[in-house]
Amino acid sequence: MSFKRLAGQKDIKIRLRHEYMGDPHHAFLFTGAEGSGRHEFSREFSKALLCSSPNEDGACGNCDNCRYFDAGTHPDFICLFDINGKNIKVEDVRSRIVSDIRIGSQISKRKVYLIEGGELNEAGQNALLKSLEEPPSDVIFIIICKDAQELLPTVLSRTVEYKLRNYEKDDIMSVLRKKNEEKFEGKFKEDELEFICEFSSGSIGKAVDLLGDEELPVMREKMLELITNIGKDSYTTILNERYSYFAENADNIRELMLFLLWILGDLAVLRKDRDSNLIKNSDRKDVLVGFLNDNPSVDLNRIYKASGHVNTVFKRIELNVNHLYVIGDLLLGLKKEFKND
């Protein structure tokens, strides 16, 4: 186990190598969206810092420090997070870090504290601040969170940030192919892996989670069927059956909206060029082309307006507005643009 098993982020790997192979800074911050790999990178870095004989790829994996780390019993590796994903108690910061920091490392030359920064409220961060300012020479802090703005400026200024960015397509496809062979015995075809890769939006974690998700193709087909049939639907069907589907799948509203945007985007491309291969739903091209052939009045202007209705829902989601309030407007808007003239 080493950094070699983690895809992408080559620049960050090089920077981290200089740290664990040399004289590391006393506090690091790993930031990145869900699925960016911030947890995996922070743990691999922790292991390399504790390892007796680290190499260019990270921890050696063979020394006592590595074996204790892999077993989850390393006495010099302390993780602080809330198992329920809520705020870490100030008392835990004081007892597990502020007081513990005075105890020297036991088997490694360093002591590493891995902290879920997104679960530290202002009081918890202030309790940690003194330790961050003047830690013992053998202590290293690693904080992880989605965005650096979650931390107080006083805490942030004490850390060196490593921001994990979206992954390249080749990196994600490499991981998906490996998972497909190891876990699913090659069940998924290359075009299915390509679709998942596109849908993951640069997140390896999301791509892996989507692989084998039986609901994903069902949701896509439901949205495809919605777009190609809503023009013929009665208003009763729209405000009952169509609306009910969104209500029942409220937890997947982002995915459903993204599917709608992809389908509408493909329609725009195919409206200009029926032979284009620059579409995301390439395996459903026949359905999309058939829809356009049967509905010549659905031009680029109407497709653009339909996309605007979907984007309105996205904006409401970002503002934490109950999106179900605008689903009715979305459906009626799609009906207006795609109705038979």
Protein backbone atom coordinates (compact mmCIF):
# COMPACT_ATOMS: atom_id res chain seq x y z
CA MET A 1 0.00 0.00 0.00
CA SER A 2 1.41 3.38 -1.02
CA PHE A 3 0.67 6.53 -3.00
CA LYS A 4 1.01 4.39 -6.15
CA ARG A 5 -2.40 2.88 -5.43
CA LEU A 6 -3.99 6.36 -5.49
CA ALA A 7 -4.83 7.71 -8.93
CA GLY A 8 -3.87 11.14 -10.24
CA GLN A 9 -2.81 14.21 -8.24
CA LYS A 10 0.81 13.87 -9.40
CA ASP A 11 1.84 17.36 -8.28
CA ILE A 12 0.48 16.76 -4.78
CA LYS A 13 2.28 13.42 -4.54
CA ILE A 14 5.57 15.12 -5.39
CA ARG A 15 5.00 17.84 -2.79
CA LEU A 16 4.08 15.29 -0.12
CA ARG A 17 7.16 13.23 -0.93
CA HIS A 18 9.38 16.21 -0.12
CA GLU A 19 7.61 16.52 3.22
CA TYR A 20 7.72 12.95 4.57
CA MET A 21 11.21 12.31 3.17
CA GLY A 22 12.56 15.54 4.67
CA ASP A 23 11.73 17.90 7.52
CA PRO A 24 7.93 18.25 7.34
CA HIS A 25 5.84 21.25 8.30
CA HIS A 26 3.91 20.81 11.55
CA ALA A 27 0.36 21.22 10.13
CA PHE A 28 -1.27 20.25 6.84
CA LEU A 29 -4.71 20.78 5.35
CA PHE A 30 -6.27 18.48 2.74
CA THR A 31 -9.29 19.97 0.98
CA GLY A 32 -11.51 18.70 -1.81
CA ALA A 33 -15.08 17.82 -2.68
CA GLU A 34 -16.72 14.50 -1.83
CA GLY A 35 -14.96 11.75 -3.74
CA SER A 36 -11.81 13.81 -4.27
CA GLY A 37 -9.69 11.39 -2.26
CA ARG A 38 -8.83 13.76 0.58
CA HIS A 39 -9.36 11.02 3.18
CA GLU A 40 -7.25 8.49 1.30
CA PHE A 41 -4.41 10.95 0.67
CA SER A 42 -4.37 12.17 4.27
CA ARG A 43 -4.19 8.63 5.63
CA GLU A 44 -1.48 7.57 3.19
CA PHE A 45 0.49 10.68 4.12
CA SER A 46 0.01 9.91 7.83
CA LYS A 47 1.33 6.40 7.28
CA ALA A 48 4.38 7.69 5.39
CA LEU A 49 5.14 10.18 8.18
CA LEU A 50 5.09 7.39 10.76
CA CYS A 51 6.95 4.81 8.64
CA SER A 52 10.48 3.82 9.65
CA SER A 53 11.71 3.56 6.06
CA PRO A 54 9.55 5.61 3.68
CA ASN A 55 10.44 5.65 -0.01
CA GLU A 56 9.45 7.69 -3.04
CA ASP A 57 6.11 5.90 -3.24
CA GLY A 58 5.23 6.47 0.41
CA ALA A 59 5.31 4.12 3.40
CA CYS A 60 7.32 0.92 3.04
CA GLY A 61 4.44 -1.25 4.22
CA ASN A 62 6.75 -3.71 6.01
CA CYS A 63 8.05 -2.05 9.17
CA ASP A 64 6.38 -2.29 12.59
CA ASN A 65 4.98 1.22 12.20
CA CYS A 66 3.26 0.26 8.94
CA ARG A 67 1.91 -2.99 10.37
CA TYR A 68 0.47 -1.22 13.43
CA PHE A 69 -0.99 1.48 11.19
CA ASP A 70 -2.69 -1.05 8.89
CA ALA A 71 -4.07 -2.87 11.92
CA GLY A 72 -5.51 0.37 13.27
CA THR A 73 -3.53 0.09 16.50
CA HIS A 74 -0.66 2.56 16.02
CA PRO A 75 -0.26 4.41 19.35
CA ASP A 76 1.19 7.51 17.65
CA PHE A 77 -1.69 7.95 15.19
CA ILE A 78 -4.73 9.69 16.68
CA CYS A 79 -7.89 10.29 14.62
CA LEU A 80 -10.47 12.81 15.78
CA PHE A 81 -13.88 12.80 14.13
CA ASP A 82 -17.52 12.34 15.10
CA ILE A 83 -18.95 8.97 14.07
CA ASN A 84 -22.32 10.62 13.38
CA GLY A 85 -20.80 13.36 11.23
CA LYS A 86 -21.76 16.07 13.69
CA ASN A 87 -19.61 18.62 15.51
CA ILE A 88 -16.67 17.25 17.48
CA LYS A 89 -17.09 18.07 21.15
CA VAL A 90 -14.75 20.67 22.60
CA GLU A 91 -14.09 18.28 25.47
CA ASP A 92 -12.77 15.71 23.00
CA VAL A 93 -10.41 18.26 21.45
CA ARG A 94 -9.03 19.06 24.89
CA SER A 95 -8.72 15.47 26.12
CA ARG A 96 -7.58 13.73 22.94
CA ILE A 97 -5.32 16.45 21.58
CA VAL A 98 -4.52 19.34 23.94
CA SER A 99 -3.72 17.05 26.88
CA ASP A 100 -2.39 14.13 24.85
CA ILE A 101 0.06 16.29 22.91
CA ARG A 102 2.28 16.51 25.99
CA ILE A 103 2.93 12.75 25.80
CA GLY A 104 5.83 11.91 23.51
CA SER A 105 5.62 9.48 20.60
CA GLN A 106 5.93 5.82 21.61
CA ILE A 107 7.21 3.77 18.67
CA SER A 108 7.60 6.23 15.79
CA LYS A 109 9.79 9.30 15.61
CA ARG A 110 6.64 11.34 15.04
CA LYS A 111 3.12 11.64 16.38
CA VAL A 112 0.31 12.36 13.89
CA TYR A 113 -3.14 13.79 14.64
CA LEU A 114 -5.70 13.39 11.82
CA ILE A 115 -8.67 15.70 12.36
CA GLU A 116 -11.95 16.11 10.46
CA GLY A 117 -11.93 19.90 10.26
CA GLY A 118 -15.44 20.10 8.86
CA GLU A 119 -16.74 18.80 12.19
CA LEU A 120 -14.93 21.41 14.29
CA ASN A 121 -17.11 24.37 15.24
CA GLU A 122 -15.62 27.71 16.22
CA ALA A 123 -15.16 26.68 19.85
CA GLY A 124 -13.44 23.45 18.82
CA GLN A 125 -11.10 25.25 16.46
CA ASN A 126 -10.19 27.81 19.10
CA ALA A 127 -9.45 24.98 21.54
CA LEU A 128 -7.09 23.48 18.98
CA LEU A 129 -5.40 26.76 18.07
CA LYS A 130 -2.83 26.87 20.89
CA SER A 131 -1.61 23.37 20.03
CA LEU A 132 -1.31 24.34 16.36
CA GLU A 133 0.71 27.43 17.27
CA GLU A 134 3.29 25.76 19.49
CA PRO A 135 3.33 21.97 18.99
CA PRO A 136 6.17 19.73 20.20
CA SER A 137 8.78 19.09 17.52
CA ASP A 138 7.62 15.50 16.93
CA VAL A 139 3.92 16.36 16.46
CA ILE A 140 2.24 16.79 13.07
CA PHE A 141 -1.38 17.83 12.49
CA ILE A 142 -3.35 16.82 9.40
CA ILE A 143 -6.74 18.47 8.98
CA ILE A 144 -9.23 17.48 6.29
CA CYS A 145 -12.34 19.33 5.08
CA LYS A 146 -14.22 20.10 1.87
CA ASP A 147 -13.22 23.75 1.70
CA ALA A 148 -10.63 25.87 3.49
CA GLN A 149 -13.35 28.44 4.24
CA GLU A 150 -14.73 26.02 6.83
CA LEU A 151 -11.78 26.93 9.05
CA LEU A 152 -11.07 30.07 11.02
CA PRO A 153 -8.40 32.30 9.47
CA THR A 154 -6.25 31.81 12.57
CA VAL A 155 -6.33 28.03 12.10
CA LEU A 156 -5.93 28.18 8.34
CA SER A 157 -2.83 30.38 8.60
CA ARG A 158 -1.03 27.65 10.56
CA THR A 159 -1.44 25.01 7.85
CA VAL A 160 -0.04 24.15 4.44
CA GLU A 161 -2.97 23.42 2.13
CA TYR A 162 -3.16 20.57 -0.38
CA LYS A 163 -6.21 21.07 -2.56
CA LEU A 164 -7.26 17.93 -4.40
CA ARG A 165 -8.77 18.81 -7.76
CA ASN A 166 -11.05 16.99 -10.17
CA TYR A 167 -9.50 13.92 -11.76
CA GLU A 168 -8.68 13.49 -15.42
CA LYS A 169 -10.81 11.11 -17.47
CA ASP A 170 -7.93 8.65 -17.96
CA ASP A 171 -7.40 8.39 -14.19
CA ILE A 172 -11.08 7.70 -13.52
CA MET A 173 -11.38 5.19 -16.35
CA SER A 174 -8.32 3.34 -15.09
CA VAL A 175 -9.91 2.96 -11.65
CA LEU A 176 -13.29 1.95 -13.09
CA ARG A 177 -11.76 -0.71 -15.33
CA LYS A 178 -9.87 -2.18 -12.40
CA LYS A 179 -12.96 -2.20 -10.16
CA ASN A 180 -15.03 -3.66 -12.97
CA GLU A 181 -12.67 -6.61 -13.31
CA GLU A 182 -11.99 -7.16 -9.61
CA LYS A 183 -15.49 -6.67 -8.20
CA PHE A 184 -17.86 -7.26 -11.12
CA GLU A 185 -15.88 -9.76 -13.24
CA GLY A 186 -15.99 -7.46 -16.26
CA LYS A 187 -19.77 -7.11 -16.18
CA PHE A 188 -19.83 -3.56 -17.52
CA LYS A 189 -19.03 -2.65 -21.12
CA GLU A 190 -16.62 0.12 -22.03
CA ASP A 191 -19.39 2.53 -23.05
CA GLU A 192 -21.11 1.98 -19.69
CA LEU A 193 -17.87 2.81 -17.89
CA GLU A 194 -17.50 5.88 -20.10
CA PHE A 195 -20.98 7.02 -19.11
CA ILE A 196 -20.26 6.62 -15.40
CA CYS A 197 -16.97 8.46 -15.85
CA GLU A 198 -18.74 11.40 -17.48
CA PHE A 199 -21.47 11.44 -14.84
CA SER A 200 -18.94 11.47 -11.98
CA SER A 201 -17.85 15.02 -12.90
CA GLY A 202 -14.20 14.36 -12.12
CA SER A 203 -14.80 12.58 -8.79
CA ILE A 204 -13.21 9.15 -8.48
CA GLY A 205 -15.13 8.45 -5.29
CA LYS A 206 -18.44 9.20 -6.99
CA ALA A 207 -17.49 7.13 -10.04
CA VAL A 208 -16.70 4.09 -7.87
CA ASP A 209 -19.95 4.52 -5.93
CA LEU A 210 -21.94 4.73 -9.17
CA LEU A 211 -20.40 1.55 -10.57
CA GLY A 212 -22.95 -1.14 -9.85
CA ASP A 213 -25.60 1.35 -8.73
CA GLU A 214 -28.72 -0.25 -10.20
CA GLU A 215 -30.78 2.93 -9.77
CA LEU A 216 -28.58 5.02 -12.06
CA PRO A 217 -29.71 3.55 -15.41
CA VAL A 218 -33.30 3.50 -14.14
CA MET A 219 -33.17 7.22 -13.37
CA ARG A 220 -31.68 8.01 -16.76
CA GLU A 221 -34.37 6.04 -18.58
CA LYS A 222 -37.04 7.74 -16.52
CA MET A 223 -35.76 11.19 -17.47
CA LEU A 224 -35.37 10.17 -21.12
CA GLU A 225 -38.94 8.92 -21.13
CA LEU A 226 -40.07 12.15 -19.47
CA ILE A 227 -38.49 14.40 -22.11
CA THR A 228 -39.69 12.33 -25.07
CA ASN A 229 -43.26 11.97 -23.82
CA ILE A 230 -44.15 15.02 -21.74
CA GLY A 231 -45.40 16.88 -24.80
CA LYS A 232 -48.12 14.24 -25.17
CA ASP A 233 -48.86 13.85 -21.45
CA SER A 234 -52.08 15.16 -19.99
CA TYR A 235 -51.81 17.75 -17.23
CA THR A 236 -53.27 15.22 -14.83
CA THR A 237 -50.46 12.78 -15.63
CA ILE A 238 -47.85 15.51 -15.26
CA LEU A 239 -49.02 16.84 -11.90
CA ASN A 240 -49.63 13.40 -10.44
CA GLU A 241 -47.46 10.61 -11.86
CA ARG A 242 -44.55 12.76 -13.05
CA TYR A 243 -44.48 14.90 -9.94
CA SER A 244 -44.77 11.85 -7.67
CA TYR A 245 -41.63 10.34 -9.18
CA PHE A 246 -39.57 13.40 -8.21
CA ALA A 247 -41.11 13.47 -4.75
CA GLU A 248 -40.28 9.79 -4.20
CA ASN A 249 -36.71 10.34 -5.39
CA ALA A 250 -36.03 13.64 -3.64
CA ASP A 251 -32.64 12.39 -2.38
CA ASN A 252 -31.47 12.01 -5.98
CA ILE A 253 -32.74 15.36 -7.26
CA ARG A 254 -29.27 16.53 -8.37
CA GLU A 255 -28.71 13.37 -10.39
CA LEU A 256 -32.15 13.66 -11.98
CA MET A 257 -31.56 17.29 -12.97
CA LEU A 258 -28.14 16.42 -14.37
CA PHE A 259 -29.67 13.67 -16.49
CA LEU A 260 -32.22 16.16 -17.83
CA LEU A 261 -29.49 18.63 -18.75
CA TRP A 262 -27.47 15.92 -20.48
CA ILE A 263 -30.48 14.78 -22.50
CA LEU A 264 -31.37 18.35 -23.47
CA GLY A 265 -27.76 19.04 -24.40
CA ASP A 266 -27.73 15.96 -26.62
CA LEU A 267 -30.94 17.10 -28.29
CA ALA A 268 -29.35 20.46 -29.05
CA VAL A 269 -26.32 18.77 -30.64
CA LEU A 270 -28.46 16.37 -32.67
CA ARG A 271 -30.81 19.12 -33.78
CA LYS A 272 -27.83 20.66 -35.57
CA ASP A 273 -26.30 17.40 -36.76
CA ARG A 274 -28.13 14.07 -36.62
CA ASP A 275 -24.87 12.21 -37.29
CA SER A 276 -22.90 13.82 -34.46
CA ASN A 277 -21.14 11.52 -31.99
CA LEU A 278 -20.47 14.35 -29.56
CA ILE A 279 -23.28 13.38 -27.20
CA LYS A 280 -23.25 11.91 -23.72
CA ASN A 281 -26.12 9.45 -24.17
CA SER A 282 -24.60 7.85 -27.27
CA ASP A 283 -26.21 4.47 -26.53
CA ARG A 284 -29.67 6.12 -26.70
CA LYS A 285 -29.00 8.15 -29.80
CA ASP A 286 -31.73 6.37 -31.77
CA VAL A 287 -34.37 7.41 -29.24
CA LEU A 288 -33.22 11.04 -29.24
CA VAL A 289 -33.07 11.27 -33.04
CA GLY A 290 -36.49 9.63 -33.29
CA PHE A 291 -37.92 12.22 -30.92
CA LEU A 292 -36.51 15.09 -32.98
CA ASN A 293 -37.81 13.57 -36.21
CA ASP A 294 -41.29 13.22 -34.72
CA ASN A 295 -41.22 16.72 -33.22
CA PRO A 296 -39.83 19.16 -35.82
CA SER A 297 -41.18 22.14 -33.83
CA VAL A 298 -38.74 21.38 -30.99
CA ASP A 299 -36.00 23.73 -32.16
CA LEU A 300 -32.87 25.03 -30.44
CA ASN A 301 -34.77 27.92 -28.87
CA ARG A 302 -37.23 25.58 -27.18
CA ILE A 303 -34.48 23.25 -26.02
CA TYR A 304 -32.63 26.26 -24.57
CA LYS A 305 -35.75 27.38 -22.69
CA ALA A 306 -36.28 23.87 -21.34
CA SER A 307 -32.70 23.84 -20.05
CA GLY A 308 -33.41 27.13 -18.31
CA HIS A 309 -36.24 25.51 -16.33
CA VAL A 310 -33.86 22.76 -15.17
CA ASN A 311 -31.18 25.25 -14.20
CA THR A 312 -33.73 27.10 -12.08
CA VAL A 313 -34.16 23.96 -9.99
CA PHE A 314 -30.38 23.68 -9.62
CA LYS A 315 -30.21 27.27 -8.35
CA ARG A 316 -32.96 26.62 -5.82
CA ILE A 317 -31.07 23.57 -4.57
CA GLU A 318 -27.95 25.69 -4.01
CA LEU A 319 -30.05 28.17 -2.03
CA ASN A 320 -31.42 25.30 0.10
CA VAL A 321 -34.94 26.01 -1.12
CA ASN A 322 -37.24 22.99 -1.06
CA HIS A 323 -36.91 21.97 -4.69
CA LEU A 324 -40.28 20.23 -4.71
CA TYR A 325 -41.86 23.69 -4.73
CA VAL A 326 -40.45 24.27 -8.20
CA ILE A 327 -40.79 20.77 -9.69
CA GLY A 328 -44.35 21.55 -10.73
CA ASP A 329 -43.14 24.67 -12.57
CA LEU A 330 -40.37 22.61 -14.16
CA LEU A 331 -42.77 19.98 -15.48
CA LEU A 332 -45.22 22.55 -16.81
CA GLY A 333 -42.34 24.42 -18.44
CA LEU A 334 -41.13 21.25 -20.18
CA LYS A 335 -44.70 20.54 -21.29
CA LYS A 336 -44.93 24.01 -22.85
CA GLU A 337 -41.69 23.65 -24.80
CA PHE A 338 -42.32 20.11 -26.03
CA LYS A 339 -46.06 20.06 -26.63
CA ASN A 340 -47.28 19.01 -30.05
CA ASP A 341 -48.13 22.03 -32.20
